[in-house]
Amino acid sequence: MEMSMWWACLLCLGLFGQTRAQPMFSVNTDTVLPPHALHNPTQRNYGMAVTDVDGDGSLEVVVAGYNGPNLVLKYDSSQKKLVNIAIDDTSSPYYGLRDPQGNAIGVTACDVDGDGREEIYFLNTNNAFSGQATYADKLFKYRNGRFEDLLSDDVNVRRGVANRMAGRSVACIDRKGTGRYSIYVANYASGNVGPHALIEMDEAASHVEKGVIVLSDVAPQANVNKYTGGRGVTVGPILSETKSDIFCDNENGPNFLFHNNGDGTFKDVAADAGVEDRYQHGRGVALADFNGDGKTDIVYGNWNGPHRLYLQDSQQKFRNIATPAFSSPSPVRTVIAADFDNDLQLEVFFNNIAYRGHAPNRIFRVSRKQDSDPDITELDVGDASEPQGRGTGATVTDFDGDGLLDLLVAHGESASQPISVFKVNQGSTNKWLRVVPRTRFGAYARGAKVVMYTKQSGTHTRIIDGGSGYLCEMEPVAHFGLGSDEATSIEVYWPDGRSLVRPLKSADINTAIEILYPQEGEESALTLDEQCEAGSTVDTNGRCVDKLSTQPSSYFV
C-alpha cells in the first residue's frame, strides 16, 4: 500500500478519533462559575494565567481585573465549582493579589527566585495607552504567609525597577537556563519612552532564604530594550533547539524574533526569518508544531488584518500557510493552539472583541498530512461563538481532571461582562496524556519542550507555556490527545539543554505525569529505535514501523 493511501486509511479507521458531528464547545458557566459578586463579578477583565497559587499541587486561574479586583479561581471538587479565593479579607493570604487600584490587563506566573514556587506578575496600565503609566506593575511572591509585592520593597523602589510604562503583554523566560525566570514586558512606546523590559532577580544581591529578592531590568544587557508599539509576546525554543527565544508581534512596526545567542543575550532575526509583517498590527500569538516535523511554528492574529500561520522550514525561514478563511480579518485578541478534542490534531481558537457589532469567536482544525502542508478546516465553535462577547483574554486548563481541556474567556474594555467557561463536546472516548516537567527547583518548567512518540502518528511536540494568547498564559502542562493511537515514550528538553526520555506504559495513558529535572547521570540514553517496541524501528517521519516492512506497525490494519 502506498504511504499516502495508508495515511488516508488510518483516517478512515478512526486513528484521529471520532468524526465531528457536534459543535466543539458548550457553555458551562452556570454550572461551574455562576454569576456571583465574589466569584464571577460582572466587571471588565483582561488577561488570564494558570498556576498553582495556593501551593497545594492543583492549578488555579488568575484573572487580571481592570475595573475591579484581580481574581483567583480555584476548582472545588466537592462543590464541582470554581470559587474565587482572593477574597476581600485582609487576613487572607491572597488578599494582596486583588489590587483593585492596578487596572490590570496582563498576568503571567513563573519562579523568579528559584524557591520552587511561582511568583505572579500583573501588568497594570491605569488607562495609559502608550509611554508612561501612573501606577507600577506588581510582582507578587508568597512570603511571610501571604502574597507580597516585591517591586514595592525598599531595595527595589530605590533601584527604580518597577515597570511604569504602558505594557501590552507579558511573559516569562528562563533566558540562561538556570531555572530562574525573567519577566519580559512588551511595552507600547511613545517615541523614546517605554522600551521593552526584562525584569529578573539579581542573584548576587539577593538572599532567597531570607526573602530578600533584589530585582533588575536587564533588557539593555540582553539587547531587547527596543521601542515599538508592543503587543503580543510568546516564549519558547523557536529557532533554538532547547534555549528559549522570544517572538513579539507588534503594532505600527515590524515584529521581533529574538534568537537566544546561548548566553542569555538576543539578536532580532525577524527580517531574515520572514516574520516581520511590518504593516500589520499583532495581537494574540501562540507556538506549536503544526505539521509534526519537530520545528516550532508560529500562529498569531492581526487586529482587523490577515491572521498568520507560519510554518518553519529546515533553514529557519517561515512560510505563511493561512487559508483565506483562516486569515479573514477580525478584531482579534487571544489566540490559542491546543488539541481540545484529543484527536491528535491541533485546533486554533480565535477570541474576538465585539466592540463594533457582532464579532464571533472562531475555531479551526489544523490536520497533519503525509508529505504536504496541513489541512486547515473551520469547525463549528458552538456556544463559544459569543458574537456579542467583549473578549479580552482566554486560557485553557483541565480544572476538573477529566482529560479534556476547559476553555475560559474573559471580557472587558468596551463593556463589563462576567467570565465564560466552556466544556468540549467531542472526544470523550479519545485517549490523552498530560505531562508536567519541573525545574531543578521543583517549579513548573516553562519554556521546556515535550515530545511524545507514538506507534502510528509520529511525533507530537508541545512547549510548556510561559506566556501566549494575548496578555495571557496557558497552563504549565503539555497536553496531548491520542485519539486511538498509542504513545510509546516522551522526551523532555529543558531550556538549559538537559533532556530525559521516559518510556510509557499502558497505565500512564489517561493520566498526568510529572517529570522531575534530571540529576547528573540520569539522562536517558534511549535511542529512537529503543523507544519503539521490539521488532519495530523509526522511519523518517518519526513513526514506529515494522523492521521487515516499509509500512507502519499494523496497530489498526
Protein backbone atom coordinates (compact mmCIF):
# COMPACT_ATOMS: atom_id res chain seq x y z
CA MET A 1 0.00 0.00 0.00
CA GLU A 2 1.40 3.41 -0.91
CA MET A 3 2.15 5.73 2.01
CA SER A 4 -0.49 8.31 1.05
CA MET A 5 -3.13 5.57 0.77
CA TRP A 6 -2.06 4.17 4.13
CA TRP A 7 -2.40 7.59 5.74
CA ALA A 8 -5.89 8.01 4.32
CA CYS A 9 -6.77 4.52 5.53
CA LEU A 10 -5.81 5.44 9.07
CA LEU A 11 -8.08 8.44 8.90
CA CYS A 12 -10.93 6.20 7.73
CA LEU A 13 -10.27 3.73 10.52
CA GLY A 14 -10.53 6.44 13.14
CA LEU A 15 -6.94 6.88 14.31
CA PHE A 16 -7.62 10.54 14.95
CA GLY A 17 -10.80 9.99 16.93
CA GLN A 18 -14.46 10.35 16.22
CA THR A 19 -15.96 12.35 13.39
CA ARG A 20 -17.02 15.80 14.50
CA ALA A 21 -20.80 15.93 14.45
CA GLN A 22 -21.37 18.22 17.42
CA PRO A 23 -20.27 21.80 17.91
CA MET A 24 -16.90 21.98 19.65
CA PHE A 25 -17.97 23.79 22.82
CA SER A 26 -20.95 24.00 25.15
CA VAL A 27 -21.28 26.76 27.71
CA ASN A 28 -20.59 25.54 31.23
CA THR A 29 -20.57 28.83 33.10
CA ASP A 30 -23.82 28.49 35.04
CA THR A 31 -22.73 25.06 36.27
CA VAL A 32 -19.17 25.75 37.44
CA LEU A 33 -18.98 29.56 37.73
CA PRO A 34 -22.45 31.06 38.14
CA PRO A 35 -22.88 34.85 38.37
CA HIS A 36 -21.76 35.99 41.80
CA ALA A 37 -20.39 39.28 43.08
CA LEU A 38 -17.43 37.45 44.63
CA HIS A 39 -16.69 34.51 42.34
CA ASN A 40 -17.68 35.81 38.90
CA PRO A 41 -18.38 39.53 39.11
CA THR A 42 -19.70 41.40 36.09
CA GLN A 43 -16.68 43.60 35.56
CA ARG A 44 -14.06 44.34 32.94
CA ASN A 45 -11.38 41.65 32.97
CA TYR A 46 -8.43 41.11 30.66
CA GLY A 47 -5.61 38.54 30.81
CA MET A 48 -5.75 35.10 32.42
CA ALA A 49 -2.92 32.85 33.65
CA VAL A 50 -2.82 29.34 35.10
CA THR A 51 -0.57 28.49 38.05
CA ASP A 52 -0.63 26.85 41.48
CA VAL A 53 -1.44 29.86 43.64
CA ASP A 54 -2.08 28.15 46.97
CA GLY A 55 0.74 25.61 46.73
CA ASP A 56 -1.46 22.51 47.01
CA GLY A 57 -0.36 20.99 43.68
CA SER A 58 -3.53 21.86 41.77
CA LEU A 59 -3.84 24.68 39.25
CA GLU A 60 -5.79 27.91 39.65
CA VAL A 61 -6.81 30.54 37.09
CA VAL A 62 -5.62 34.08 37.85
CA VAL A 63 -7.66 36.83 36.19
CA ALA A 64 -6.50 40.42 35.63
CA GLY A 65 -9.32 42.67 36.81
CA TYR A 66 -9.43 46.10 35.21
CA ASN A 67 -12.26 47.99 36.90
CA GLY A 68 -12.39 45.60 39.82
CA PRO A 69 -10.13 43.29 41.81
CA ASN A 70 -7.97 40.56 40.33
CA LEU A 71 -9.46 37.09 40.79
CA VAL A 72 -8.02 33.67 41.66
CA LEU A 73 -10.39 30.90 40.58
CA LYS A 74 -9.90 27.53 42.25
CA TYR A 75 -11.84 24.38 41.40
CA ASP A 76 -13.62 22.99 44.45
CA SER A 77 -14.08 19.29 43.69
CA SER A 78 -16.68 18.85 46.44
CA GLN A 79 -18.89 21.58 45.02
CA LYS A 80 -17.74 20.99 41.42
CA LYS A 81 -17.44 24.73 41.05
CA LEU A 82 -14.79 27.39 40.54
CA VAL A 83 -14.55 29.70 43.54
CA ASN A 84 -12.59 32.93 43.94
CA ILE A 85 -10.10 32.57 46.81
CA ALA A 86 -8.77 36.15 46.52
CA ILE A 87 -11.40 37.47 48.88
CA ASP A 88 -11.80 40.92 50.43
CA ASP A 89 -10.37 39.92 53.79
CA THR A 90 -7.05 41.32 54.98
CA SER A 91 -6.33 38.08 56.86
CA SER A 92 -6.45 36.07 53.63
CA PRO A 93 -3.02 35.13 52.20
CA TYR A 94 -4.39 36.08 48.75
CA TYR A 95 -5.75 39.49 49.71
CA GLY A 96 -2.80 41.40 48.18
CA LEU A 97 -3.39 39.79 44.79
CA ARG A 98 -6.70 41.64 44.48
CA ASP A 99 -5.02 45.05 43.98
CA PRO A 100 -8.16 46.80 42.64
CA GLN A 101 -6.24 50.06 42.03
CA GLY A 102 -3.97 48.41 39.48
CA ASN A 103 -6.32 48.34 36.49
CA ALA A 104 -4.51 45.16 35.47
CA ILE A 105 -4.61 43.90 31.90
CA GLY A 106 -1.88 41.23 31.71
CA VAL A 107 -0.73 38.45 34.00
CA THR A 108 1.94 35.76 34.00
CA ALA A 109 3.48 33.40 36.54
CA CYS A 110 6.88 31.74 36.93
CA ASP A 111 9.58 31.02 39.52
CA VAL A 112 11.67 34.20 39.57
CA ASP A 113 13.78 33.45 42.64
CA GLY A 114 14.28 29.69 42.35
CA ASP A 115 12.41 28.73 45.51
CA GLY A 116 10.21 26.22 43.69
CA ARG A 117 7.05 28.32 43.80
CA GLU A 118 5.84 30.61 41.05
CA GLU A 119 5.60 34.36 41.51
CA ILE A 120 2.70 36.23 39.85
CA TYR A 121 3.27 39.33 37.73
CA PHE A 122 0.42 41.76 36.99
CA LEU A 123 0.76 44.21 34.11
CA ASN A 124 -1.02 47.44 35.11
CA THR A 125 -1.83 50.41 32.88
CA ASN A 126 -4.15 52.95 34.54
CA ASN A 127 -5.58 53.93 31.15
CA ALA A 128 -2.15 54.71 29.71
CA PHE A 129 -2.20 53.77 26.03
CA SER A 130 1.49 54.42 25.41
CA GLY A 131 4.60 55.68 27.12
CA GLN A 132 4.41 56.49 30.82
CA ALA A 133 1.81 54.97 33.15
CA THR A 134 0.80 56.28 36.55
CA TYR A 135 0.73 53.01 38.50
CA ALA A 136 3.51 50.45 38.61
CA ASP A 137 3.22 46.78 37.76
CA LYS A 138 3.22 44.28 40.63
CA LEU A 139 5.27 41.13 41.17
CA PHE A 140 3.77 39.07 43.98
CA LYS A 141 5.75 36.49 45.97
CA TYR A 142 4.37 34.21 48.65
CA ARG A 143 6.30 35.44 51.68
CA ASN A 144 5.53 35.78 55.39
CA GLY A 145 2.38 33.70 54.96
CA ARG A 146 0.84 35.90 52.28
CA PHE A 147 1.44 37.32 48.82
CA GLU A 148 3.56 40.48 48.90
CA ASP A 149 4.70 42.77 46.09
CA LEU A 150 8.45 42.53 45.53
CA LEU A 151 8.53 45.69 43.43
CA SER A 152 7.34 47.67 46.47
CA ASP A 153 10.28 46.52 48.63
CA ASP A 154 12.52 49.44 49.58
CA VAL A 155 15.54 48.00 47.80
CA ASN A 156 13.60 47.68 44.54
CA VAL A 157 11.99 51.11 44.91
CA ARG A 158 15.48 52.60 45.26
CA ARG A 159 16.55 50.76 42.12
CA GLY A 160 13.55 52.12 40.23
CA VAL A 161 13.00 48.72 38.68
CA ALA A 162 9.19 48.65 38.70
CA ASN A 163 7.76 48.97 35.19
CA ARG A 164 5.71 52.17 34.97
CA MET A 165 5.13 52.03 31.25
CA ALA A 166 2.06 51.17 29.19
CA GLY A 167 2.63 47.45 28.81
CA ARG A 168 0.62 45.37 26.36
CA SER A 169 1.76 41.79 27.04
CA VAL A 170 3.95 39.93 29.49
CA ALA A 171 5.66 36.52 29.53
CA CYS A 172 8.28 34.50 31.42
CA ILE A 173 11.62 33.32 30.09
CA ASP A 174 14.47 31.28 31.53
CA ARG A 175 16.95 33.11 29.33
CA LYS A 176 20.11 31.42 30.64
CA GLY A 177 18.71 28.00 31.50
CA THR A 178 19.25 28.39 35.24
CA GLY A 179 15.71 27.54 36.33
CA ARG A 180 15.16 31.13 37.43
CA TYR A 181 12.86 33.17 35.21
CA SER A 182 12.84 36.73 33.93
CA ILE A 183 9.68 38.71 33.23
CA TYR A 184 9.52 40.04 29.67
CA VAL A 185 7.25 43.08 29.28
CA ALA A 186 6.20 44.20 25.81
CA ASN A 187 5.64 47.92 26.38
CA TYR A 188 3.91 50.30 23.99
CA ALA A 189 6.41 53.09 23.47
CA SER A 190 5.74 56.76 22.88
CA GLY A 191 8.78 57.91 20.95
CA ASN A 192 11.76 57.05 23.12
CA VAL A 193 9.65 56.49 26.26
CA GLY A 194 8.71 52.92 27.11
CA PRO A 195 11.19 50.32 25.80
CA HIS A 196 10.55 46.63 26.29
CA ALA A 197 11.64 45.50 29.78
CA LEU A 198 13.20 42.31 31.16
CA ILE A 199 12.95 42.09 34.94
CA GLU A 200 14.80 39.41 36.88
CA MET A 201 16.42 38.65 40.21
CA ASP A 202 19.92 39.97 40.87
CA GLU A 203 21.36 36.77 42.29
CA ALA A 204 24.47 38.42 43.75
CA ALA A 205 22.43 40.96 45.74
CA SER A 206 19.56 38.68 46.81
CA HIS A 207 19.08 36.32 49.74
CA VAL A 208 16.29 33.93 48.80
CA GLU A 209 16.20 32.10 52.14
CA LYS A 210 15.54 35.40 53.91
CA GLY A 211 13.00 36.52 51.32
CA VAL A 212 15.22 39.34 50.06
CA ILE A 213 14.70 39.43 46.31
CA VAL A 214 16.57 42.23 44.58
CA LEU A 215 15.40 42.91 41.04
CA SER A 216 16.98 44.46 37.95
CA ASP A 217 15.83 45.40 34.46
CA VAL A 218 18.37 43.64 32.24
CA ALA A 219 16.74 44.47 28.89
CA PRO A 220 19.70 46.65 27.77
CA GLN A 221 22.24 43.90 28.53
CA ALA A 222 20.08 41.29 26.80
CA ASN A 223 19.57 43.53 23.73
CA VAL A 224 15.77 43.53 23.87
CA ASN A 225 15.17 47.13 25.04
CA LYS A 226 13.51 48.17 21.79
CA TYR A 227 10.96 50.92 21.27
CA THR A 228 7.84 49.91 19.40
CA GLY A 229 4.09 49.50 19.66
CA GLY A 230 4.44 46.31 21.67
CA ARG A 231 1.51 43.90 21.62
CA GLY A 232 1.69 40.09 21.81
CA VAL A 233 4.64 38.11 23.16
CA THR A 234 5.40 34.40 23.47
CA VAL A 235 8.46 32.44 24.56
CA GLY A 236 9.96 29.06 23.73
CA PRO A 237 12.57 27.16 21.70
CA ILE A 238 11.53 28.69 18.38
CA LEU A 239 14.81 28.71 16.47
CA SER A 240 16.98 27.28 19.23
CA GLU A 241 16.96 23.55 19.90
CA THR A 242 16.22 24.00 23.61
CA LYS A 243 17.09 27.58 24.61
CA SER A 244 14.19 29.97 24.93
CA ASP A 245 13.67 32.55 22.18
CA ILE A 246 11.13 35.40 22.13
CA PHE A 247 8.58 36.37 19.48
CA CYS A 248 6.74 39.70 19.65
CA ASP A 249 4.01 40.67 17.20
CA ASN A 250 3.91 44.45 17.27
CA GLU A 251 1.72 47.34 16.18
CA ASN A 252 2.79 50.13 13.82
CA GLY A 253 6.13 48.45 13.21
CA PRO A 254 7.84 45.14 12.40
CA ASN A 255 7.60 42.10 14.62
CA PHE A 256 10.58 40.93 16.68
CA LEU A 257 12.01 37.42 16.71
CA PHE A 258 14.75 37.40 19.34
CA HIS A 259 17.08 34.42 18.86
CA ASN A 260 18.85 33.37 22.06
CA ASN A 261 22.60 33.64 21.49
CA GLY A 262 23.19 30.95 24.10
CA ASP A 263 24.39 33.30 26.81
CA GLY A 264 21.08 34.98 27.62
CA THR A 265 21.50 37.78 25.08
CA PHE A 266 19.40 38.01 21.96
CA LYS A 267 19.53 39.02 18.31
CA ASP A 268 16.48 40.11 16.37
CA VAL A 269 16.26 37.92 13.25
CA ALA A 270 12.64 38.58 12.29
CA ALA A 271 13.58 40.00 8.88
CA ASP A 272 15.81 37.07 7.96
CA ALA A 273 13.20 34.59 9.20
CA GLY A 274 10.41 36.24 7.21
CA VAL A 275 8.09 37.15 10.10
CA GLU A 276 8.45 40.94 10.28
CA ASP A 277 4.91 41.54 8.93
CA ARG A 278 5.66 45.24 9.38
CA TYR A 279 2.39 46.68 8.05
CA GLN A 280 0.03 44.72 10.33
CA HIS A 281 -0.92 45.07 13.99
CA GLY A 282 -0.34 41.92 16.03
CA ARG A 283 -2.39 40.66 18.95
CA GLY A 284 -2.75 37.07 20.19
CA VAL A 285 0.08 34.63 19.44
CA ALA A 286 0.94 31.00 20.15
CA LEU A 287 3.64 28.43 19.38
CA ALA A 288 3.04 24.90 18.11
CA ASP A 289 4.38 22.24 15.76
CA PHE A 290 1.53 22.05 13.29
CA ASN A 291 3.00 19.62 10.75
CA GLY A 292 4.90 17.25 13.01
CA ASP A 293 8.38 17.99 11.68
CA GLY A 294 9.75 18.87 15.12
CA LYS A 295 10.15 22.57 14.33
CA THR A 296 8.31 25.29 16.18
CA ASP A 297 5.71 27.15 14.14
CA ILE A 298 4.04 30.49 14.94
CA VAL A 299 0.36 31.40 14.73
CA TYR A 300 -1.00 34.85 15.52
CA GLY A 301 -3.84 37.22 14.86
CA ASN A 302 -3.56 40.72 13.42
CA TRP A 303 -6.01 43.37 14.59
CA ASN A 304 -8.57 43.69 11.78
CA GLY A 305 -5.90 42.35 9.44
CA PRO A 306 -4.92 38.97 7.98
CA HIS A 307 -4.12 36.32 10.56
CA ARG A 308 -0.97 34.26 10.09
CA LEU A 309 0.03 30.61 10.41
CA TYR A 310 3.77 30.41 9.81
CA LEU A 311 5.43 27.03 9.26
CA GLN A 312 9.18 26.88 9.88
CA ASP A 313 11.44 25.09 7.40
CA SER A 314 14.86 23.49 7.77
CA GLN A 315 16.57 26.81 7.04
CA GLN A 316 14.80 28.60 9.91
CA LYS A 317 12.61 30.50 7.48
CA PHE A 318 8.87 30.85 7.93
CA ARG A 319 6.13 30.47 5.33
CA ASN A 320 2.54 31.58 5.84
CA ILE A 321 0.05 28.80 5.01
CA ALA A 322 -3.09 30.50 6.33
CA THR A 323 -6.12 29.93 4.10
CA PRO A 324 -8.43 32.82 3.15
CA ALA A 325 -10.95 31.70 5.78
CA PHE A 326 -8.29 31.34 8.49
CA SER A 327 -6.69 34.69 7.68
CA SER A 328 -10.01 36.56 7.45
CA PRO A 329 -9.54 39.85 9.39
CA SER A 330 -11.27 40.29 12.73
CA PRO A 331 -10.93 42.32 15.95
CA VAL A 332 -8.85 39.53 17.42
CA ARG A 333 -7.49 39.35 20.92
CA THR A 334 -6.38 35.97 22.26
CA VAL A 335 -5.18 33.09 20.06
CA ILE A 336 -4.88 29.57 21.49
CA ALA A 337 -3.41 26.45 19.89
CA ALA A 338 -4.44 23.19 21.59
CA ASP A 339 -5.92 19.74 20.99
CA PHE A 340 -9.33 20.33 22.53
CA ASP A 341 -10.97 17.06 21.46
CA ASN A 342 -7.93 14.80 21.98
CA ASP A 343 -7.91 13.59 18.37
CA LEU A 344 -4.15 14.14 17.73
CA GLN A 345 -4.86 17.26 15.65
CA LEU A 346 -4.35 20.81 16.88
CA GLU A 347 -7.07 23.42 16.86
CA VAL A 348 -6.58 27.20 16.74
CA PHE A 349 -9.11 29.28 18.67
CA PHE A 350 -9.57 32.96 17.81
CA ASN A 351 -11.13 35.10 20.53
CA ASN A 352 -12.55 38.38 19.20
CA ILE A 353 -13.93 41.50 20.85
CA ALA A 354 -17.33 42.70 19.64
CA TYR A 355 -16.63 46.40 20.05
CA ARG A 356 -18.49 47.42 16.87
CA GLY A 357 -21.27 44.99 16.14
CA HIS A 358 -21.03 41.22 16.26
CA ALA A 359 -17.60 39.57 16.21
CA PRO A 360 -17.99 35.83 16.86
CA ASN A 361 -15.11 33.70 18.08
CA ARG A 362 -13.89 31.01 15.66
CA ILE A 363 -12.01 27.72 15.72
CA PHE A 364 -10.01 25.90 13.05
CA ARG A 365 -8.62 22.38 12.92
CA VAL A 366 -5.06 22.09 11.55
CA SER A 367 -4.74 18.50 10.34
CA ARG A 368 -1.34 16.96 9.71
CA LYS A 369 -0.91 15.35 6.30
CA GLN A 370 1.67 13.00 4.93
CA ASP A 371 4.32 14.85 2.88
CA SER A 372 2.32 18.08 2.45
CA ASP A 373 1.10 21.13 4.31
CA PRO A 374 -1.63 20.61 6.92
CA ASP A 375 -5.29 20.97 6.02
CA ILE A 376 -6.99 23.93 7.70
CA THR A 377 -10.71 23.49 8.30
CA GLU A 378 -13.11 25.76 10.15
CA LEU A 379 -15.20 23.97 12.77
CA ASP A 380 -18.47 24.79 14.49
CA VAL A 381 -17.30 26.60 17.62
CA GLY A 382 -20.71 26.15 19.26
CA ASP A 383 -21.59 28.17 22.35
CA ALA A 384 -18.09 29.65 22.43
CA SER A 385 -19.03 31.79 19.42
CA GLU A 386 -20.19 34.62 21.73
CA PRO A 387 -20.98 37.03 18.86
CA GLN A 388 -21.58 39.84 21.33
CA GLY A 389 -18.76 38.95 23.69
CA ARG A 390 -16.25 41.66 24.55
CA GLY A 391 -13.40 39.13 24.55
CA THR A 392 -10.15 40.38 26.07
CA GLY A 393 -8.40 37.21 27.20
CA ALA A 394 -8.67 33.44 27.38
CA THR A 395 -6.85 30.41 28.70
CA VAL A 396 -7.10 26.64 28.89
CA THR A 397 -6.65 24.09 31.65
CA ASP A 398 -8.23 20.82 32.71
CA PHE A 399 -9.56 22.04 36.04
CA ASP A 400 -11.87 19.06 36.68
CA GLY A 401 -9.37 16.34 35.72
CA ASP A 402 -11.49 14.65 33.04
CA GLY A 403 -8.71 14.78 30.42
CA LEU A 404 -10.43 17.39 28.25
CA LEU A 405 -9.26 20.99 28.23
CA ASP A 406 -11.65 23.59 29.60
CA LEU A 407 -11.79 26.99 27.91
CA LEU A 408 -12.20 30.18 29.95
CA VAL A 409 -12.84 33.53 28.25
CA ALA A 410 -12.56 36.95 29.91
CA HIS A 411 -14.36 40.06 28.71
CA GLY A 412 -13.83 43.77 29.15
CA GLU A 413 -12.59 47.02 27.65
CA SER A 414 -15.78 48.07 25.87
CA ALA A 415 -18.26 46.53 28.35
CA SER A 416 -18.43 44.76 31.70
CA GLN A 417 -19.23 41.07 31.31
CA PRO A 418 -18.64 38.01 33.51
CA ILE A 419 -16.18 35.26 32.65
CA SER A 420 -17.41 32.44 30.40
CA VAL A 421 -16.47 28.78 30.85
CA PHE A 422 -16.84 26.21 28.07
CA LYS A 423 -16.55 22.44 28.02
CA VAL A 424 -15.63 20.36 24.98
CA ASN A 425 -18.43 18.28 23.47
CA GLN A 426 -16.26 15.93 21.44
CA GLY A 427 -13.53 13.38 22.06
CA SER A 428 -14.71 11.95 25.39
CA THR A 429 -13.63 8.45 24.31
CA ASN A 430 -10.26 9.57 22.93
CA LYS A 431 -7.15 8.79 24.94
CA TRP A 432 -4.90 11.51 26.32
CA LEU A 433 -1.70 12.21 28.23
CA ARG A 434 -0.67 15.21 30.34
CA VAL A 435 3.00 15.88 31.13
CA VAL A 436 4.25 18.32 33.80
CA PRO A 437 8.03 18.93 33.69
CA ARG A 438 9.68 20.54 36.71
CA THR A 439 12.72 22.79 37.02
CA ARG A 440 15.74 21.92 39.13
CA PHE A 441 13.99 23.84 41.93
CA GLY A 442 10.71 21.95 41.55
CA ALA A 443 8.70 24.72 39.86
CA TYR A 444 6.90 24.41 36.55
CA ALA A 445 9.46 24.26 33.73
CA ARG A 446 8.01 26.94 31.48
CA GLY A 447 9.74 27.01 28.11
CA ALA A 448 10.54 23.29 28.24
CA LYS A 449 9.78 21.20 25.15
CA VAL A 450 7.97 17.88 25.42
CA VAL A 451 7.95 15.37 22.56
CA MET A 452 5.57 12.40 22.52
CA TYR A 453 6.38 9.37 20.35
CA THR A 454 3.52 7.21 19.13
CA LYS A 455 3.04 3.91 17.32
CA GLN A 456 1.17 5.27 14.33
CA SER A 457 1.06 9.04 14.01
CA GLY A 458 4.69 10.02 14.54
CA THR A 459 5.96 12.61 16.99
CA HIS A 460 3.94 15.34 18.64
CA THR A 461 5.53 18.36 20.30
CA ARG A 462 4.32 20.76 22.98
CA ILE A 463 6.04 23.74 24.64
CA ILE A 464 5.29 24.47 28.29
CA ASP A 465 3.75 27.91 28.09
CA GLY A 466 5.47 30.92 29.61
CA GLY A 467 3.06 33.45 28.13
CA SER A 468 0.97 33.49 24.97
CA GLY A 469 -2.54 34.26 23.72
CA TYR A 470 -2.65 37.98 24.37
CA LEU A 471 -1.98 39.26 27.89
CA CYS A 472 -2.37 35.62 28.96
CA GLU A 473 -0.57 32.43 29.95
CA MET A 474 -1.79 28.87 29.41
CA GLU A 475 -1.44 26.01 31.90
CA PRO A 476 2.14 24.71 32.55
CA VAL A 477 1.25 21.31 31.14
CA ALA A 478 1.99 19.52 27.87
CA HIS A 479 -1.47 18.24 26.94
CA PHE A 480 -1.59 15.53 24.26
CA GLY A 481 -4.65 13.98 22.69
CA LEU A 482 -4.08 10.46 21.40
CA GLY A 483 -7.29 9.54 19.63
CA SER A 484 -6.94 5.75 19.37
CA ASP A 485 -3.18 5.79 18.89
CA GLU A 486 -0.68 4.54 21.48
CA ALA A 487 2.14 6.59 22.98
CA THR A 488 5.42 4.75 23.45
CA SER A 489 7.58 7.37 25.20
CA ILE A 490 8.07 11.03 25.89
CA GLU A 491 11.20 13.16 25.79
CA VAL A 492 11.56 16.39 27.75
CA TYR A 493 14.06 19.13 26.85
CA TRP A 494 14.77 21.81 29.44
CA PRO A 495 15.93 25.34 28.46
CA ASP A 496 19.48 24.53 29.60
CA GLY A 497 19.75 21.66 27.09
CA ARG A 498 19.28 18.84 29.60
CA SER A 499 16.91 16.13 28.35
CA LEU A 500 15.24 12.97 29.60
CA VAL A 501 13.46 10.10 27.85
CA ARG A 502 10.72 8.30 29.72
CA PRO A 503 9.20 5.12 28.26
CA LEU A 504 5.43 4.91 28.70
CA LYS A 505 3.31 2.05 29.97
CA SER A 506 -0.38 1.50 29.38
CA ALA A 507 -1.05 2.67 32.94
CA ASP A 508 0.39 6.10 32.07
CA ILE A 509 -2.28 6.81 29.46
CA ASN A 510 -5.22 8.98 30.55
CA THR A 511 -3.15 10.34 33.43
CA ALA A 512 -0.98 13.35 34.25
CA ILE A 513 2.67 12.50 34.92
CA GLU A 514 5.31 14.74 36.44
CA ILE A 515 8.87 14.72 35.10
CA LEU A 516 11.49 15.90 37.56
CA TYR A 517 14.59 17.72 36.41
CA PRO A 518 17.27 15.07 35.78
CA GLN A 519 20.21 14.92 38.09
CA GLU A 520 23.71 14.28 36.78
CA GLY A 521 23.83 10.87 35.11
CA GLU A 522 20.05 10.45 35.00
CA GLU A 523 19.60 11.49 31.40
CA SER A 524 18.30 8.60 29.36
CA ALA A 525 20.43 7.24 26.53
CA LEU A 526 17.50 5.55 24.76
CA THR A 527 17.66 5.86 21.00
CA LEU A 528 14.56 6.40 18.90
CA ASP A 529 14.64 2.72 17.92
CA GLU A 530 14.75 1.73 21.57
CA GLN A 531 11.62 3.80 22.19
CA CYS A 532 9.67 1.56 19.80
CA GLU A 533 8.58 -1.92 20.73
CA ALA A 534 10.69 -4.93 19.80
CA GLY A 535 10.50 -5.72 16.13
CA SER A 536 9.99 -2.09 15.11
CA THR A 537 12.18 0.81 14.12
CA VAL A 538 11.65 4.52 13.43
CA ASP A 539 11.06 5.87 9.94
CA THR A 540 11.99 9.33 8.66
CA ASN A 541 8.65 10.71 9.87
CA GLY A 542 9.24 9.61 13.46
CA ARG A 543 6.77 6.68 13.36
CA CYS A 544 7.42 3.16 14.64
CA VAL A 545 7.47 0.81 11.64
CA ASP A 546 7.95 -2.93 11.21
CA LYS A 547 11.63 -3.65 10.53
CA LEU A 548 10.71 -6.03 7.72
CA SER A 549 8.24 -3.64 6.11
CA THR A 550 8.10 -0.11 4.77
CA GLN A 551 4.67 0.32 6.38
CA PRO A 552 3.97 1.47 9.93
CA SER A 553 3.30 -1.19 12.55
CA SER A 554 -0.11 -2.77 11.97
CA TYR A 555 -1.87 -1.41 15.02
CA PHE A 556 -5.20 -0.91 13.25
CA VAL A 557 -4.79 -2.74 9.97
